[in-house]
Amino acid sequence: MKIKIAHPELLAEIEAVCAEIEMSVSEFGLLALRDPAYVNNLRRGRECKMRTLRRVKAFMAKLEKMGRSA
């Protein structure tokens, strides 16, 4: 069973991180999930499973901890 995650909040968080560290959303998706189209697909309604959400959140925490260098 797939659990959908509210995308507006996740997208806003990803976009804020990308803007803050001057990273493209394609680079974010590539580094976080090996999927450069991830963020654009989210914008188009792609589902986000809990496992994927955990990976994205972990990547954002890593970026925050490292200051940018991922």
PDB file of N, CA and C in Angstrom:
ATOM      1  N   MET A   1       0.833  -1.184   0.000  1.00  0.00           N
ATOM      2  CA  MET A   1       0.000   0.000   0.000  1.00  0.00           C
ATOM      3  C   MET A   1       0.883   1.255   0.000  1.00  0.00           C
ATOM      4  N   LYS A   2       0.631   2.153  -0.918  1.00  0.00           N
ATOM      5  CA  LYS A   2       1.385   3.388  -1.004  1.00  0.00           C
ATOM      6  C   LYS A   2       0.742   4.439  -0.112  1.00  0.00           C
ATOM      7  N   ILE A   3       1.590   5.187   0.570  1.00  0.00           N
ATOM      8  CA  ILE A   3       1.116   6.293   1.389  1.00  0.00           C
ATOM      9  C   ILE A   3       1.560   7.572   0.707  1.00  0.00           C
ATOM     10  N   LYS A   4       0.609   8.414   0.343  1.00  0.00           N
ATOM     11  CA  LYS A   4       0.960   9.682  -0.301  1.00  0.00           C
ATOM     12  C   LYS A   4       1.357  10.706   0.756  1.00  0.00           C
ATOM     13  N   ILE A   5       2.359  11.469   0.437  1.00  0.00           N
ATOM     14  CA  ILE A   5       2.837  12.536   1.303  1.00  0.00           C
ATOM     15  C   ILE A   5       2.387  13.859   0.680  1.00  0.00           C
ATOM     16  N   ALA A   6       2.005  14.800   1.519  1.00  0.00           N
ATOM     17  CA  ALA A   6       1.597  16.111   1.017  1.00  0.00           C
ATOM     18  C   ALA A   6       2.778  16.771   0.310  1.00  0.00           C
ATOM     19  N   HIS A   7       2.629  16.962  -0.972  1.00  0.00           N
ATOM     20  CA  HIS A   7       3.732  17.488  -1.775  1.00  0.00           C
ATOM     21  C   HIS A   7       4.013  18.979  -1.587  1.00  0.00           C
ATOM     22  N   PRO A   8       3.012  19.821  -1.375  1.00  0.00           N
ATOM     23  CA  PRO A   8       3.329  21.251  -1.285  1.00  0.00           C
ATOM     24  C   PRO A   8       4.360  21.577  -0.206  1.00  0.00           C
ATOM     25  N   GLU A   9       4.245  20.959   0.945  1.00  0.00           N
ATOM     26  CA  GLU A   9       5.192  21.231   2.021  1.00  0.00           C
ATOM     27  C   GLU A   9       6.583  20.697   1.676  1.00  0.00           C
ATOM     28  N   LEU A  10       6.634  19.507   1.128  1.00  0.00           N
ATOM     29  CA  LEU A  10       7.912  18.908   0.752  1.00  0.00           C
ATOM     30  C   LEU A  10       8.578  19.722  -0.353  1.00  0.00           C
ATOM     31  N   LEU A  11       7.816  20.097  -1.351  1.00  0.00           N
ATOM     32  CA  LEU A  11       8.371  20.909  -2.440  1.00  0.00           C
ATOM     33  C   LEU A  11       8.901  22.237  -1.922  1.00  0.00           C
ATOM     34  N   ALA A  12       8.142  22.873  -1.058  1.00  0.00           N
ATOM     35  CA  ALA A  12       8.577  24.160  -0.506  1.00  0.00           C
ATOM     36  C   ALA A  12       9.882  24.007   0.263  1.00  0.00           C
ATOM     37  N   GLU A  13       9.992  22.934   1.019  1.00  0.00           N
ATOM     38  CA  GLU A  13      11.208  22.695   1.790  1.00  0.00           C
ATOM     39  C   GLU A  13      12.402  22.424   0.874  1.00  0.00           C
ATOM     40  N   ILE A  14      12.199  21.602  -0.128  1.00  0.00           N
ATOM     41  CA  ILE A  14      13.280  21.301  -1.081  1.00  0.00           C
ATOM     42  C   ILE A  14      13.702  22.569  -1.814  1.00  0.00           C
ATOM     43  N   GLU A  15      12.744  23.332  -2.298  1.00  0.00           N
ATOM     44  CA  GLU A  15      13.057  24.548  -3.044  1.00  0.00           C
ATOM     45  C   GLU A  15      13.770  25.572  -2.174  1.00  0.00           C
ATOM     46  N   ALA A  16      13.396  25.662  -0.906  1.00  0.00           N
ATOM     47  CA  ALA A  16      14.060  26.595   0.010  1.00  0.00           C
ATOM     48  C   ALA A  16      15.517  26.185   0.225  1.00  0.00           C
ATOM     49  N   VAL A  17      15.747  24.899   0.419  1.00  0.00           N
ATOM     50  CA  VAL A  17      17.114  24.404   0.602  1.00  0.00           C
ATOM     51  C   VAL A  17      17.941  24.677  -0.650  1.00  0.00           C
ATOM     52  N   CYS A  18      17.366  24.368  -1.798  1.00  0.00           N
ATOM     53  CA  CYS A  18      18.085  24.590  -3.060  1.00  0.00           C
ATOM     54  C   CYS A  18      18.425  26.058  -3.271  1.00  0.00           C
ATOM     55  N   ALA A  19      17.485  26.930  -2.975  1.00  0.00           N
ATOM     56  CA  ALA A  19      17.732  28.362  -3.135  1.00  0.00           C
ATOM     57  C   ALA A  19      18.814  28.841  -2.171  1.00  0.00           C
ATOM     58  N   GLU A  20      18.750  28.348  -0.949  1.00  0.00           N
ATOM     59  CA  GLU A  20      19.703  28.774   0.066  1.00  0.00           C
ATOM     60  C   GLU A  20      21.131  28.389  -0.275  1.00  0.00           C
ATOM     61  N   ILE A  21      21.301  27.207  -0.839  1.00  0.00           N
ATOM     62  CA  ILE A  21      22.665  26.738  -1.125  1.00  0.00           C
ATOM     63  C   ILE A  21      23.024  26.840  -2.603  1.00  0.00           C
ATOM     64  N   GLU A  22      22.137  27.456  -3.381  1.00  0.00           N
ATOM     65  CA  GLU A  22      22.361  27.661  -4.817  1.00  0.00           C
ATOM     66  C   GLU A  22      22.599  26.341  -5.544  1.00  0.00           C
ATOM     67  N   MET A  23      21.711  25.397  -5.313  1.00  0.00           N
ATOM     68  CA  MET A  23      21.758  24.091  -5.962  1.00  0.00           C
ATOM     69  C   MET A  23      20.524  23.966  -6.848  1.00  0.00           C
ATOM     70  N   SER A  24      20.692  23.465  -8.036  1.00  0.00           N
ATOM     71  CA  SER A  24      19.531  23.258  -8.904  1.00  0.00           C
ATOM     72  C   SER A  24      18.703  22.097  -8.362  1.00  0.00           C
ATOM     73  N   VAL A  25      17.419  22.101  -8.686  1.00  0.00           N
ATOM     74  CA  VAL A  25      16.565  21.002  -8.241  1.00  0.00           C
ATOM     75  C   VAL A  25      16.970  19.695  -8.917  1.00  0.00           C
ATOM     76  N   SER A  26      17.521  19.781 -10.110  1.00  0.00           N
ATOM     77  CA  SER A  26      18.015  18.579 -10.790  1.00  0.00           C
ATOM     78  C   SER A  26      19.193  17.974 -10.036  1.00  0.00           C
ATOM     79  N   GLU A  27      20.106  18.822  -9.607  1.00  0.00           N
ATOM     80  CA  GLU A  27      21.255  18.341  -8.839  1.00  0.00           C
ATOM     81  C   GLU A  27      20.790  17.761  -7.506  1.00  0.00           C
ATOM     82  N   PHE A  28      19.823  18.418  -6.885  1.00  0.00           N
ATOM     83  CA  PHE A  28      19.274  17.911  -5.625  1.00  0.00           C
ATOM     84  C   PHE A  28      18.731  16.491  -5.808  1.00  0.00           C
ATOM     85  N   GLY A  29      17.892  16.313  -6.807  1.00  0.00           N
ATOM     86  CA  GLY A  29      17.319  14.995  -7.061  1.00  0.00           C
ATOM     87  C   GLY A  29      18.367  13.952  -7.373  1.00  0.00           C
ATOM     88  N   LEU A  30      19.360  14.336  -8.140  1.00  0.00           N
ATOM     89  CA  LEU A  30      20.434  13.417  -8.500  1.00  0.00           C
ATOM     90  C   LEU A  30      21.223  12.975  -7.270  1.00  0.00           C
ATOM     91  N   LEU A  31      21.589  13.930  -6.441  1.00  0.00           N
ATOM     92  CA  LEU A  31      22.388  13.608  -5.262  1.00  0.00           C
ATOM     93  C   LEU A  31      21.575  12.903  -4.177  1.00  0.00           C
ATOM     94  N   ALA A  32      20.324  13.297  -4.013  1.00  0.00           N
ATOM     95  CA  ALA A  32      19.492  12.719  -2.956  1.00  0.00           C
ATOM     96  C   ALA A  32      18.983  11.328  -3.312  1.00  0.00           C
ATOM     97  N   LEU A  33      18.585  11.148  -4.577  1.00  0.00           N
ATOM     98  CA  LEU A  33      17.886   9.915  -4.954  1.00  0.00           C
ATOM     99  C   LEU A  33      18.392   9.277  -6.242  1.00  0.00           C
ATOM    100  N   ARG A  34      19.430   9.854  -6.819  1.00  0.00           N
ATOM    101  CA  ARG A  34      19.922   9.410  -8.134  1.00  0.00           C
ATOM    102  C   ARG A  34      18.845   9.577  -9.206  1.00  0.00           C
ATOM    103  N   ASP A  35      18.041  10.627  -9.055  1.00  0.00           N
ATOM    104  CA  ASP A  35      16.943  10.905  -9.989  1.00  0.00           C
ATOM    105  C   ASP A  35      16.856  12.412 -10.220  1.00  0.00           C
ATOM    106  N   PRO A  36      17.523  12.907 -11.275  1.00  0.00           N
ATOM    107  CA  PRO A  36      17.520  14.354 -11.509  1.00  0.00           C
ATOM    108  C   PRO A  36      16.143  14.925 -11.821  1.00  0.00           C
ATOM    109  N   ALA A  37      15.192  14.100 -12.187  1.00  0.00           N
ATOM    110  CA  ALA A  37      13.841  14.580 -12.503  1.00  0.00           C
ATOM    111  C   ALA A  37      12.898  14.533 -11.302  1.00  0.00           C
ATOM    112  N   TYR A  38      13.392  14.099 -10.144  1.00  0.00           N
ATOM    113  CA  TYR A  38      12.522  13.885  -8.984  1.00  0.00           C
ATOM    114  C   TYR A  38      11.684  15.112  -8.619  1.00  0.00           C
ATOM    115  N   VAL A  39      12.314  16.261  -8.446  1.00  0.00           N
ATOM    116  CA  VAL A  39      11.585  17.454  -7.992  1.00  0.00           C
ATOM    117  C   VAL A  39      10.578  17.896  -9.047  1.00  0.00           C
ATOM    118  N   ASN A  40      10.981  17.900 -10.297  1.00  0.00           N
ATOM    119  CA  ASN A  40      10.034  18.278 -11.346  1.00  0.00           C
ATOM    120  C   ASN A  40       8.873  17.292 -11.435  1.00  0.00           C
ATOM    121  N   ASN A  41       9.152  16.015 -11.212  1.00  0.00           N
ATOM    122  CA  ASN A  41       8.068  15.035 -11.192  1.00  0.00           C
ATOM    123  C   ASN A  41       7.142  15.242  -9.999  1.00  0.00           C
ATOM    124  N   LEU A  42       7.691  15.638  -8.857  1.00  0.00           N
ATOM    125  CA  LEU A  42       6.844  15.970  -7.698  1.00  0.00           C
ATOM    126  C   LEU A  42       5.906  17.112  -8.054  1.00  0.00           C
ATOM    127  N   ARG A  43       6.433  18.098  -8.758  1.00  0.00           N
ATOM    128  CA  ARG A  43       5.615  19.245  -9.172  1.00  0.00           C
ATOM    129  C   ARG A  43       4.457  18.798 -10.063  1.00  0.00           C
ATOM    130  N   ARG A  44       4.660  17.705 -10.773  1.00  0.00           N
ATOM    131  CA  ARG A  44       3.621  17.185 -11.683  1.00  0.00           C
ATOM    132  C   ARG A  44       2.726  16.150 -11.010  1.00  0.00           C
ATOM    133  N   GLY A  45       2.888  15.952  -9.704  1.00  0.00           N
ATOM    134  CA  GLY A  45       1.998  15.052  -8.989  1.00  0.00           C
ATOM    135  C   GLY A  45       2.550  13.686  -8.655  1.00  0.00           C
ATOM    136  N   ARG A  46       3.837  13.491  -8.823  1.00  0.00           N
ATOM    137  CA  ARG A  46       4.441  12.194  -8.476  1.00  0.00           C
ATOM    138  C   ARG A  46       4.172  11.863  -7.007  1.00  0.00           C
ATOM    139  N   GLU A  47       3.895  10.603  -6.739  1.00  0.00           N
ATOM    140  CA  GLU A  47       3.693  10.155  -5.369  1.00  0.00           C
ATOM    141  C   GLU A  47       5.033  10.086  -4.646  1.00  0.00           C
ATOM    142  N   CYS A  48       4.977  10.253  -3.355  1.00  0.00           N
ATOM    143  CA  CYS A  48       6.172  10.167  -2.531  1.00  0.00           C
ATOM    144  C   CYS A  48       5.903   9.169  -1.413  1.00  0.00           C
ATOM    145  N   LYS A  49       6.630   8.084  -1.435  1.00  0.00           N
ATOM    146  CA  LYS A  49       6.488   7.061  -0.399  1.00  0.00           C
ATOM    147  C   LYS A  49       7.261   7.486   0.852  1.00  0.00           C
ATOM    148  N   MET A  50       6.911   6.880   1.966  1.00  0.00           N
ATOM    149  CA  MET A  50       7.585   7.202   3.222  1.00  0.00           C
ATOM    150  C   MET A  50       9.095   6.954   3.129  1.00  0.00           C
ATOM    151  N   ARG A  51       9.484   5.885   2.480  1.00  0.00           N
ATOM    152  CA  ARG A  51      10.912   5.570   2.336  1.00  0.00           C
ATOM    153  C   ARG A  51      11.636   6.688   1.586  1.00  0.00           C
ATOM    154  N   THR A  52      11.012   7.164   0.521  1.00  0.00           N
ATOM    155  CA  THR A  52      11.608   8.249  -0.259  1.00  0.00           C
ATOM    156  C   THR A  52      11.663   9.528   0.560  1.00  0.00           C
ATOM    157  N   LEU A  53      10.599   9.805   1.294  1.00  0.00           N
ATOM    158  CA  LEU A  53      10.585  10.992   2.150  1.00  0.00           C
ATOM    159  C   LEU A  53      11.728  10.937   3.158  1.00  0.00           C
ATOM    160  N   ARG A  54      11.949   9.792   3.755  1.00  0.00           N
ATOM    161  CA  ARG A  54      13.050   9.654   4.717  1.00  0.00           C
ATOM    162  C   ARG A  54      14.402   9.913   4.050  1.00  0.00           C
ATOM    163  N   ARG A  55      14.576   9.420   2.837  1.00  0.00           N
ATOM    164  CA  ARG A  55      15.838   9.641   2.117  1.00  0.00           C
ATOM    165  C   ARG A  55      16.043  11.123   1.805  1.00  0.00           C
ATOM    166  N   VAL A  56      14.974  11.784   1.364  1.00  0.00           N
ATOM    167  CA  VAL A  56      15.059  13.214   1.044  1.00  0.00           C
ATOM    168  C   VAL A  56      15.368  14.018   2.304  1.00  0.00           C
ATOM    169  N   LYS A  57      14.668  13.724   3.392  1.00  0.00           N
ATOM    170  CA  LYS A  57      14.890  14.453   4.653  1.00  0.00           C
ATOM    171  C   LYS A  57      16.313  14.209   5.169  1.00  0.00           C
ATOM    172  N   ALA A  58      16.799  12.977   5.053  1.00  0.00           N
ATOM    173  CA  ALA A  58      18.156  12.671   5.490  1.00  0.00           C
ATOM    174  C   ALA A  58      19.182  13.439   4.659  1.00  0.00           C
ATOM    175  N   PHE A  59      18.932  13.544   3.365  1.00  0.00           N
ATOM    176  CA  PHE A  59      19.845  14.285   2.497  1.00  0.00           C
ATOM    177  C   PHE A  59      19.842  15.771   2.861  1.00  0.00           C
ATOM    178  N   MET A  60      18.671  16.333   3.119  1.00  0.00           N
ATOM    179  CA  MET A  60      18.606  17.747   3.502  1.00  0.00           C
ATOM    180  C   MET A  60      19.318  17.974   4.830  1.00  0.00           C
ATOM    181  N   ALA A  61      19.188  17.044   5.765  1.00  0.00           N
ATOM    182  CA  ALA A  61      19.887  17.168   7.051  1.00  0.00           C
ATOM    183  C   ALA A  61      21.397  17.104   6.836  1.00  0.00           C
ATOM    184  N   LYS A  62      21.823  16.239   5.935  1.00  0.00           N
ATOM    185  CA  LYS A  62      23.251  16.129   5.622  1.00  0.00           C
ATOM    186  C   LYS A  62      23.774  17.430   5.023  1.00  0.00           C
ATOM    187  N   LEU A  63      23.001  18.013   4.112  1.00  0.00           N
ATOM    188  CA  LEU A  63      23.402  19.286   3.518  1.00  0.00           C
ATOM    189  C   LEU A  63      23.524  20.373   4.578  1.00  0.00           C
ATOM    190  N   GLU A  64      22.546  20.403   5.471  1.00  0.00           N
ATOM    191  CA  GLU A  64      22.543  21.406   6.531  1.00  0.00           C
ATOM    192  C   GLU A  64      23.756  21.225   7.438  1.00  0.00           C
ATOM    193  N   LYS A  65      24.047  19.986   7.778  1.00  0.00           N
ATOM    194  CA  LYS A  65      25.169  19.685   8.659  1.00  0.00           C
ATOM    195  C   LYS A  65      26.505  20.029   7.997  1.00  0.00           C
ATOM    196  N   MET A  66      26.602  19.750   6.713  1.00  0.00           N
ATOM    197  CA  MET A  66      27.863  19.979   5.995  1.00  0.00           C
ATOM    198  C   MET A  66      28.005  21.409   5.507  1.00  0.00           C
ATOM    199  N   GLY A  67      26.931  22.149   5.513  1.00  0.00           N
ATOM    200  CA  GLY A  67      27.007  23.527   5.063  1.00  0.00           C
ATOM    201  C   GLY A  67      26.821  23.674   3.569  1.00  0.00           C
ATOM    202  N   ARG A  68      26.911  22.602   2.813  1.00  0.00           N
ATOM    203  CA  ARG A  68      26.640  22.566   1.370  1.00  0.00           C
ATOM    204  C   ARG A  68      27.272  21.366   0.712  1.00  0.00           C
ATOM    205  N   SER A  69      28.523  21.088   1.028  1.00  0.00           N
ATOM    206  CA  SER A  69      29.288  20.064   0.318  1.00  0.00           C
ATOM    207  C   SER A  69      28.686  18.679   0.486  1.00  0.00           C
ATOM    208  N   ALA A  70      28.032  18.204  -0.564  1.00  0.00           N
ATOM    209  CA  ALA A  70      27.439  16.862  -0.522  1.00  0.00           C
ATOM    210  C   ALA A  70      28.159  15.973  -1.507  1.00  0.00           C
TER     211      ALA A  70
END
